[in-house]
Amino acid sequence: MSLEPYNSAAAATNSETDLIAGCRASQPEALAELVKRYQPAVLRICVSLLGNREVDDAVQDIFVKILRRCDRFEGRAALFTWIYEITLNHCRDELRRRKRKRWFSLQALPTAVVDNLPEDARPVSEQIEAEELQRRLHHEIQQLKPKHRELVVLRDLEGLAYEEIASISGIDVKLVKSRLFEARQILSRKMKAYAEEASHASK
């Protein structure tokens, strides 16, 4: 039984099953649609976890893995969850390969994290120049343990649900929430202390 050619014009109404079936059959339209749909998210995660260094190569390698593993997708989880898992694992492998201190460039994250600061930390932080606040927040995020940092990226940058993060990270939802709470508390304390110091220095 032959597959019907994948119709990219009807991508919005086609199911993930149709898309993955087209990729398994190496249909060019399906492959192009897969990249179009998921490349932006894969790129964001790679930049967030790896920095800009060789990020294009990382994205390319990830999509090669995705296409090679299409036959393994069973549909138990959403397709994007499966792709995020492959992406996260690739980034972990790359960081281990580099054997250096992890560096993260989270351009979109500062606003999300600042929004999660306790109310009493926000008024002071708002007195600081936004650019300087972002720079400091980037620094503090870099200091987080990997187990915290990855979850902050997936939740606050990518906006994934707790259940999705649990599936991708291989831990249960309760632990996801616990670690995110810890990470945000750490960032909150660091940023509040920094904001207060900056406020006193400006007087």
C-alpha atoms as a PDB file:
ATOM      1  CA  MET A   1       0.000   0.000   0.000  1.00  0.00           C
ATOM      2  CA  SER A   2       1.536   3.312  -1.068  1.00  0.00           C
ATOM      3  CA  LEU A   3       1.251   6.521   0.890  1.00  0.00           C
ATOM      4  CA  GLU A   4      -0.470   9.542  -0.579  1.00  0.00           C
ATOM      5  CA  PRO A   5       1.948  12.449  -1.123  1.00  0.00           C
ATOM      6  CA  TYR A   6       2.111  14.700   1.917  1.00  0.00           C
ATOM      7  CA  ASN A   7       0.232  17.944   1.304  1.00  0.00           C
ATOM      8  CA  SER A   8       2.042  20.778   3.080  1.00  0.00           C
ATOM      9  CA  ALA A   9      -0.781  23.191   2.267  1.00  0.00           C
ATOM     10  CA  ALA A  10      -3.033  21.144   4.528  1.00  0.00           C
ATOM     11  CA  ALA A  11      -0.444  20.921   7.303  1.00  0.00           C
ATOM     12  CA  ALA A  12      -2.684  22.619   9.829  1.00  0.00           C
ATOM     13  CA  THR A  13      -5.299  19.909   9.517  1.00  0.00           C
ATOM     14  CA  ASN A  14      -3.008  16.922   9.069  1.00  0.00           C
ATOM     15  CA  SER A  15      -2.326  14.872  12.160  1.00  0.00           C
ATOM     16  CA  GLU A  16       1.088  14.184  13.604  1.00  0.00           C
ATOM     17  CA  THR A  17       0.608  10.601  12.478  1.00  0.00           C
ATOM     18  CA  ASP A  18       0.295  11.732   8.863  1.00  0.00           C
ATOM     19  CA  LEU A  19       3.362  13.925   9.180  1.00  0.00           C
ATOM     20  CA  ILE A  20       5.545  11.237  10.700  1.00  0.00           C
ATOM     21  CA  ALA A  21       4.279   8.712   8.152  1.00  0.00           C
ATOM     22  CA  GLY A  22       5.345  11.043   5.369  1.00  0.00           C
ATOM     23  CA  CYS A  23       8.777  11.418   6.941  1.00  0.00           C
ATOM     24  CA  ARG A  24       9.149   7.657   7.246  1.00  0.00           C
ATOM     25  CA  ALA A  25       8.421   7.419   3.537  1.00  0.00           C
ATOM     26  CA  SER A  26      11.042  10.133   2.867  1.00  0.00           C
ATOM     27  CA  GLN A  27       8.483  12.380   1.213  1.00  0.00           C
ATOM     28  CA  PRO A  28      10.208  15.751   0.619  1.00  0.00           C
ATOM     29  CA  GLU A  29       7.100  17.778   1.492  1.00  0.00           C
ATOM     30  CA  ALA A  30       6.727  16.015   4.832  1.00  0.00           C
ATOM     31  CA  LEU A  31      10.407  16.425   5.676  1.00  0.00           C
ATOM     32  CA  ALA A  32      10.233  20.123   4.837  1.00  0.00           C
ATOM     33  CA  GLU A  33       7.100  20.553   6.949  1.00  0.00           C
ATOM     34  CA  LEU A  34       8.692  18.810   9.930  1.00  0.00           C
ATOM     35  CA  VAL A  35      11.660  21.163   9.815  1.00  0.00           C
ATOM     36  CA  LYS A  36       9.424  24.190   9.306  1.00  0.00           C
ATOM     37  CA  ARG A  37       7.265  23.332  12.313  1.00  0.00           C
ATOM     38  CA  TYR A  38       9.930  22.405  14.806  1.00  0.00           C
ATOM     39  CA  GLN A  39      13.190  24.074  13.795  1.00  0.00           C
ATOM     40  CA  PRO A  40      12.449  27.351  15.661  1.00  0.00           C
ATOM     41  CA  ALA A  41      11.906  25.528  18.965  1.00  0.00           C
ATOM     42  CA  VAL A  42      14.913  23.252  18.450  1.00  0.00           C
ATOM     43  CA  LEU A  43      17.063  26.280  17.661  1.00  0.00           C
ATOM     44  CA  ARG A  44      15.879  28.148  20.772  1.00  0.00           C
ATOM     45  CA  ILE A  45      16.702  25.231  23.025  1.00  0.00           C
ATOM     46  CA  CYS A  46      20.120  24.735  21.446  1.00  0.00           C
ATOM     47  CA  VAL A  47      21.002  28.413  21.829  1.00  0.00           C
ATOM     48  CA  SER A  48      19.728  28.372  25.411  1.00  0.00           C
ATOM     49  CA  LEU A  49      21.657  25.278  26.432  1.00  0.00           C
ATOM     50  CA  LEU A  50      24.727  25.449  24.206  1.00  0.00           C
ATOM     51  CA  GLY A  51      25.166  29.131  23.451  1.00  0.00           C
ATOM     52  CA  ASN A  52      25.831  30.303  19.908  1.00  0.00           C
ATOM     53  CA  ARG A  53      28.878  28.107  19.464  1.00  0.00           C
ATOM     54  CA  GLU A  54      28.310  25.632  16.619  1.00  0.00           C
ATOM     55  CA  VAL A  55      24.571  25.882  17.180  1.00  0.00           C
ATOM     56  CA  ASP A  56      23.736  25.458  13.483  1.00  0.00           C
ATOM     57  CA  ASP A  57      25.616  22.168  13.422  1.00  0.00           C
ATOM     58  CA  ALA A  58      23.760  21.034  16.529  1.00  0.00           C
ATOM     59  CA  VAL A  59      20.364  21.790  14.990  1.00  0.00           C
ATOM     60  CA  GLN A  60      21.313  19.932  11.830  1.00  0.00           C
ATOM     61  CA  ASP A  61      22.532  16.922  13.810  1.00  0.00           C
ATOM     62  CA  ILE A  62      19.318  16.866  15.823  1.00  0.00           C
ATOM     63  CA  PHE A  63      17.122  16.775  12.740  1.00  0.00           C
ATOM     64  CA  VAL A  64      19.260  14.004  11.290  1.00  0.00           C
ATOM     65  CA  LYS A  65      18.593  12.039  14.487  1.00  0.00           C
ATOM     66  CA  ILE A  66      14.884  12.821  14.335  1.00  0.00           C
ATOM     67  CA  LEU A  67      14.579  11.599  10.760  1.00  0.00           C
ATOM     68  CA  ARG A  68      16.618   8.475  11.447  1.00  0.00           C
ATOM     69  CA  ARG A  69      14.421   7.648  14.433  1.00  0.00           C
ATOM     70  CA  CYS A  70      11.030   8.263  12.838  1.00  0.00           C
ATOM     71  CA  ASP A  71      10.282   4.543  12.962  1.00  0.00           C
ATOM     72  CA  ARG A  72      10.678   4.644  16.746  1.00  0.00           C
ATOM     73  CA  PHE A  73       7.944   7.232  17.265  1.00  0.00           C
ATOM     74  CA  GLU A  74       4.997   5.327  18.704  1.00  0.00           C
ATOM     75  CA  GLY A  75       2.604   8.196  19.263  1.00  0.00           C
ATOM     76  CA  ARG A  76       2.356   7.669  23.014  1.00  0.00           C
ATOM     77  CA  ALA A  77       3.384  11.284  23.554  1.00  0.00           C
ATOM     78  CA  ALA A  78       2.933  14.334  21.364  1.00  0.00           C
ATOM     79  CA  LEU A  79       5.374  14.606  18.479  1.00  0.00           C
ATOM     80  CA  PHE A  80       6.845  17.854  19.774  1.00  0.00           C
ATOM     81  CA  THR A  81       7.480  16.218  23.171  1.00  0.00           C
ATOM     82  CA  TRP A  82       9.408  13.433  21.452  1.00  0.00           C
ATOM     83  CA  ILE A  83      11.400  15.995  19.452  1.00  0.00           C
ATOM     84  CA  TYR A  84      12.149  18.042  22.589  1.00  0.00           C
ATOM     85  CA  GLU A  85      13.450  14.907  24.280  1.00  0.00           C
ATOM     86  CA  ILE A  86      15.819  14.177  21.394  1.00  0.00           C
ATOM     87  CA  THR A  87      16.934  17.811  21.422  1.00  0.00           C
ATOM     88  CA  LEU A  88      17.566  17.893  25.157  1.00  0.00           C
ATOM     89  CA  ASN A  89      19.516  14.634  25.089  1.00  0.00           C
ATOM     90  CA  HIS A  90      21.639  15.864  22.189  1.00  0.00           C
ATOM     91  CA  CYS A  91      22.458  19.060  24.073  1.00  0.00           C
ATOM     92  CA  ARG A  92      23.412  17.074  27.159  1.00  0.00           C
ATOM     93  CA  ASP A  93      25.729  14.911  25.074  1.00  0.00           C
ATOM     94  CA  GLU A  94      27.263  17.978  23.455  1.00  0.00           C
ATOM     95  CA  LEU A  95      27.900  19.629  26.809  1.00  0.00           C
ATOM     96  CA  ARG A  96      29.581  16.500  28.092  1.00  0.00           C
ATOM     97  CA  ARG A  97      31.670  16.359  24.936  1.00  0.00           C
ATOM     98  CA  ARG A  98      32.864  19.891  25.341  1.00  0.00           C
ATOM     99  CA  LYS A  99      33.944  19.229  28.927  1.00  0.00           C
ATOM    100  CA  ARG A 100      33.704  22.830  29.841  1.00  0.00           C
ATOM    101  CA  LYS A 101      31.565  25.055  31.993  1.00  0.00           C
ATOM    102  CA  ARG A 102      28.065  25.316  30.591  1.00  0.00           C
ATOM    103  CA  TRP A 103      27.141  28.643  29.093  1.00  0.00           C
ATOM    104  CA  PHE A 104      23.615  29.743  28.341  1.00  0.00           C
ATOM    105  CA  SER A 105      22.291  32.600  26.297  1.00  0.00           C
ATOM    106  CA  LEU A 106      18.647  32.999  27.255  1.00  0.00           C
ATOM    107  CA  GLN A 107      17.546  36.042  25.315  1.00  0.00           C
ATOM    108  CA  ALA A 108      13.843  35.405  25.833  1.00  0.00           C
ATOM    109  CA  LEU A 109      14.082  34.110  29.393  1.00  0.00           C
ATOM    110  CA  PRO A 110      14.720  37.187  31.564  1.00  0.00           C
ATOM    111  CA  THR A 111      11.176  38.533  31.252  1.00  0.00           C
ATOM    112  CA  ALA A 112       9.694  35.141  32.042  1.00  0.00           C
ATOM    113  CA  VAL A 113      11.874  34.668  35.097  1.00  0.00           C
ATOM    114  CA  VAL A 114      11.404  38.213  36.367  1.00  0.00           C
ATOM    115  CA  ASP A 115       7.646  37.672  36.088  1.00  0.00           C
ATOM    116  CA  ASN A 116       8.061  34.761  38.491  1.00  0.00           C
ATOM    117  CA  LEU A 117       9.914  36.794  41.113  1.00  0.00           C
ATOM    118  CA  PRO A 118       8.005  37.407  44.341  1.00  0.00           C
ATOM    119  CA  GLU A 119       6.108  40.691  44.381  1.00  0.00           C
ATOM    120  CA  ASP A 120       8.413  42.231  46.986  1.00  0.00           C
ATOM    121  CA  ALA A 121      11.412  41.716  44.704  1.00  0.00           C
ATOM    122  CA  ARG A 122       9.947  43.420  41.644  1.00  0.00           C
ATOM    123  CA  PRO A 123       9.656  47.092  42.650  1.00  0.00           C
ATOM    124  CA  VAL A 124      13.355  47.345  43.471  1.00  0.00           C
ATOM    125  CA  SER A 125      14.393  45.458  40.349  1.00  0.00           C
ATOM    126  CA  GLU A 126      12.359  47.840  38.217  1.00  0.00           C
ATOM    127  CA  GLN A 127      14.643  50.679  39.304  1.00  0.00           C
ATOM    128  CA  ILE A 128      17.550  49.122  37.458  1.00  0.00           C
ATOM    129  CA  GLU A 129      18.196  49.532  33.761  1.00  0.00           C
ATOM    130  CA  ALA A 130      16.590  46.657  31.874  1.00  0.00           C
ATOM    131  CA  GLU A 131      19.780  45.818  30.005  1.00  0.00           C
ATOM    132  CA  GLU A 132      21.814  45.557  33.189  1.00  0.00           C
ATOM    133  CA  LEU A 133      19.094  43.494  34.839  1.00  0.00           C
ATOM    134  CA  GLN A 134      19.143  41.057  31.934  1.00  0.00           C
ATOM    135  CA  ARG A 135      22.911  40.792  32.065  1.00  0.00           C
ATOM    136  CA  ARG A 136      22.835  39.972  35.748  1.00  0.00           C
ATOM    137  CA  LEU A 137      20.003  37.499  35.343  1.00  0.00           C
ATOM    138  CA  HIS A 138      21.925  35.736  32.572  1.00  0.00           C
ATOM    139  CA  HIS A 139      24.849  35.462  34.950  1.00  0.00           C
ATOM    140  CA  GLU A 140      22.736  33.996  37.738  1.00  0.00           C
ATOM    141  CA  ILE A 141      21.099  31.495  35.394  1.00  0.00           C
ATOM    142  CA  GLN A 142      24.546  30.319  34.341  1.00  0.00           C
ATOM    143  CA  GLN A 143      25.284  29.524  37.980  1.00  0.00           C
ATOM    144  CA  LEU A 144      22.277  27.234  38.403  1.00  0.00           C
ATOM    145  CA  LYS A 145      22.885  23.519  38.587  1.00  0.00           C
ATOM    146  CA  PRO A 146      22.067  21.724  35.310  1.00  0.00           C
ATOM    147  CA  LYS A 147      19.111  19.941  36.914  1.00  0.00           C
ATOM    148  CA  HIS A 148      17.575  23.338  37.646  1.00  0.00           C
ATOM    149  CA  ARG A 149      18.715  25.144  34.518  1.00  0.00           C
ATOM    150  CA  GLU A 150      17.197  22.675  32.051  1.00  0.00           C
ATOM    151  CA  LEU A 151      13.797  22.899  33.706  1.00  0.00           C
ATOM    152  CA  VAL A 152      13.865  26.696  33.719  1.00  0.00           C
ATOM    153  CA  VAL A 153      14.573  26.622  29.981  1.00  0.00           C
ATOM    154  CA  LEU A 154      11.782  24.165  29.216  1.00  0.00           C
ATOM    155  CA  ARG A 155       9.199  25.850  31.433  1.00  0.00           C
ATOM    156  CA  ASP A 156       9.974  29.573  31.318  1.00  0.00           C
ATOM    157  CA  LEU A 157      11.480  29.819  27.849  1.00  0.00           C
ATOM    158  CA  GLU A 158       9.571  27.135  25.966  1.00  0.00           C
ATOM    159  CA  GLY A 159       6.396  27.274  28.038  1.00  0.00           C
ATOM    160  CA  LEU A 160       5.955  23.512  28.283  1.00  0.00           C
ATOM    161  CA  ALA A 161       3.470  21.945  30.669  1.00  0.00           C
ATOM    162  CA  TYR A 162       4.788  20.177  33.750  1.00  0.00           C
ATOM    163  CA  GLU A 163       3.684  16.814  32.369  1.00  0.00           C
ATOM    164  CA  GLU A 164       5.571  17.438  29.124  1.00  0.00           C
ATOM    165  CA  ILE A 165       8.714  18.472  30.977  1.00  0.00           C
ATOM    166  CA  ALA A 166       8.488  15.355  33.125  1.00  0.00           C
ATOM    167  CA  SER A 167       8.253  13.159  30.036  1.00  0.00           C
ATOM    168  CA  ILE A 168      11.190  14.873  28.348  1.00  0.00           C
ATOM    169  CA  SER A 169      13.407  14.951  31.441  1.00  0.00           C
ATOM    170  CA  GLY A 170      12.610  11.463  32.658  1.00  0.00           C
ATOM    171  CA  ILE A 171      11.446  12.568  36.108  1.00  0.00           C
ATOM    172  CA  ASP A 172       8.003  12.774  37.673  1.00  0.00           C
ATOM    173  CA  VAL A 173       5.838  15.893  37.731  1.00  0.00           C
ATOM    174  CA  LYS A 174       6.247  16.367  41.466  1.00  0.00           C
ATOM    175  CA  LEU A 175      10.024  16.531  41.107  1.00  0.00           C
ATOM    176  CA  VAL A 176       9.730  18.921  38.149  1.00  0.00           C
ATOM    177  CA  LYS A 177       7.663  21.321  40.248  1.00  0.00           C
ATOM    178  CA  SER A 178       9.965  20.951  43.225  1.00  0.00           C
ATOM    179  CA  ARG A 179      13.110  21.688  41.227  1.00  0.00           C
ATOM    180  CA  LEU A 180      11.492  24.611  39.429  1.00  0.00           C
ATOM    181  CA  PHE A 181      10.443  26.051  42.763  1.00  0.00           C
ATOM    182  CA  GLU A 182      14.004  25.683  44.032  1.00  0.00           C
ATOM    183  CA  ALA A 183      15.435  27.290  40.886  1.00  0.00           C
ATOM    184  CA  ARG A 184      13.077  30.252  41.051  1.00  0.00           C
ATOM    185  CA  GLN A 185      13.748  30.751  44.742  1.00  0.00           C
ATOM    186  CA  ILE A 186      17.484  30.787  44.066  1.00  0.00           C
ATOM    187  CA  LEU A 187      17.075  33.285  41.235  1.00  0.00           C
ATOM    188  CA  SER A 188      14.694  35.368  43.305  1.00  0.00           C
ATOM    189  CA  ARG A 189      17.121  35.635  46.229  1.00  0.00           C
ATOM    190  CA  LYS A 190      20.053  36.445  43.968  1.00  0.00           C
ATOM    191  CA  MET A 191      18.170  39.041  41.956  1.00  0.00           C
ATOM    192  CA  LYS A 192      16.588  40.659  45.004  1.00  0.00           C
ATOM    193  CA  ALA A 193      19.984  41.016  46.674  1.00  0.00           C
ATOM    194  CA  TYR A 194      21.470  42.436  43.496  1.00  0.00           C
ATOM    195  CA  ALA A 195      18.582  44.874  43.014  1.00  0.00           C
ATOM    196  CA  GLU A 196      18.858  46.130  46.579  1.00  0.00           C
ATOM    197  CA  GLU A 197      22.617  46.624  46.235  1.00  0.00           C
ATOM    198  CA  ALA A 198      22.146  48.534  43.003  1.00  0.00           C
ATOM    199  CA  SER A 199      19.415  50.661  44.552  1.00  0.00           C
ATOM    200  CA  HIS A 200      21.599  51.619  47.523  1.00  0.00           C
ATOM    201  CA  ALA A 201      24.543  52.365  45.251  1.00  0.00           C
ATOM    202  CA  SER A 202      22.455  54.762  43.168  1.00  0.00           C
ATOM    203  CA  LYS A 203      21.429  56.872  46.174  1.00  0.00           C
END
